Amino acid sequence: MKYSETMLVERVGESMRRHKITQAQLGEILGLPQQQISARMLGKVNFSVSDLVAMSNHFNCTPGELLASGDNLFTEGL
């Protein structure tokens, strides 16, 4: 599996749009202020493993689906 922080940020953004949540709401899910979510979405700070687990639980996907490149990942659960 090929991983890229840029791909993760794109997948998180897509998941946020599909679930209609804001950065502030994602911050609540992750226990972080909106400013920290913004920094992560801008690539200034990397998402942590615990962030990844919490997001995959919320978005009803696997951590691998958020991390991996490829077009066939997002399942109907998203």
Protein backbone atom coordinates (compact mmCIF):
# COMPACT_ATOMS: atom_id res chain seq x y z
CA MET A 1 0.00 0.00 0.00
CA LYS A 2 1.45 3.35 -1.00
CA TYR A 3 0.87 6.13 1.55
CA SER A 4 0.98 9.86 1.04
CA GLU A 5 0.02 12.59 3.51
CA THR A 6 -1.40 14.54 0.57
CA MET A 7 -3.64 11.60 -0.34
CA LEU A 8 -4.77 11.31 3.28
CA VAL A 9 -5.71 14.99 3.38
CA GLU A 10 -7.63 14.60 0.09
CA ARG A 11 -9.47 11.52 1.42
CA VAL A 12 -10.33 13.25 4.68
CA GLY A 13 -11.62 16.28 2.77
CA GLU A 14 -13.73 14.07 0.52
CA SER A 15 -15.10 12.20 3.54
CA MET A 16 -15.92 15.47 5.27
CA ARG A 17 -17.86 16.65 2.22
CA ARG A 18 -19.73 13.34 1.93
CA HIS A 19 -20.65 13.42 5.60
CA LYS A 20 -21.30 17.17 5.51
CA ILE A 21 -19.11 18.00 8.47
CA THR A 22 -16.98 21.08 9.06
CA GLN A 23 -13.43 21.33 10.32
CA ALA A 24 -14.84 22.38 13.68
CA GLN A 25 -17.00 19.25 13.80
CA LEU A 26 -14.05 17.05 12.82
CA GLY A 27 -12.12 18.76 15.61
CA GLU A 28 -14.82 17.73 18.08
CA ILE A 29 -14.56 14.13 16.85
CA LEU A 30 -10.78 14.17 17.26
CA GLY A 31 -10.72 16.27 20.43
CA LEU A 32 -8.82 19.06 18.70
CA PRO A 33 -9.54 22.74 18.08
CA GLN A 34 -10.55 23.76 14.56
CA GLN A 35 -7.19 25.50 14.11
CA GLN A 36 -5.41 22.16 14.52
CA ILE A 37 -7.68 20.57 11.92
CA SER A 38 -6.93 23.44 9.57
CA ALA A 39 -3.19 22.94 10.09
CA ARG A 40 -3.58 19.24 9.27
CA MET A 41 -5.69 19.93 6.18
CA LEU A 42 -3.07 22.41 4.95
CA GLY A 43 -0.32 19.83 5.45
CA LYS A 44 1.44 21.85 8.14
CA VAL A 45 0.88 19.12 10.76
CA ASN A 46 0.45 15.40 10.08
CA PHE A 47 -2.54 13.44 11.30
CA SER A 48 -1.66 11.06 14.14
CA VAL A 49 -2.47 7.36 14.26
CA SER A 50 -5.18 8.07 16.84
CA ASP A 51 -6.63 10.74 14.49
CA LEU A 52 -6.69 8.18 11.69
CA VAL A 53 -8.47 5.58 13.84
CA ALA A 54 -11.07 8.08 15.07
CA MET A 55 -11.73 9.36 11.53
CA SER A 56 -12.06 5.87 10.06
CA ASN A 57 -14.53 4.96 12.82
CA HIS A 58 -16.56 8.11 12.19
CA PHE A 59 -16.47 7.80 8.39
CA ASN A 60 -17.29 4.07 8.52
CA CYS A 61 -14.21 2.96 6.62
CA THR A 62 -10.89 1.33 7.34
CA PRO A 63 -7.74 3.30 8.08
CA GLY A 64 -6.32 1.79 4.89
CA GLU A 65 -9.07 3.37 2.85
CA LEU A 66 -8.02 6.78 4.12
CA LEU A 67 -4.32 6.09 3.61
CA ALA A 68 -4.00 4.21 0.33
CA SER A 69 -3.88 5.60 -3.14
CA GLY A 70 -6.16 4.13 -5.78
CA ASP A 71 -9.60 4.83 -7.15
CA ASN A 72 -11.38 1.72 -5.91
CA LEU A 73 -11.30 2.45 -2.21
CA PHE A 74 -14.29 4.42 -0.98
CA THR A 75 -17.07 1.94 -0.47
CA GLU A 76 -20.79 2.61 -0.23
CA GLY A 77 -20.35 3.13 3.53
CA LEU A 78 -18.94 6.57 2.89
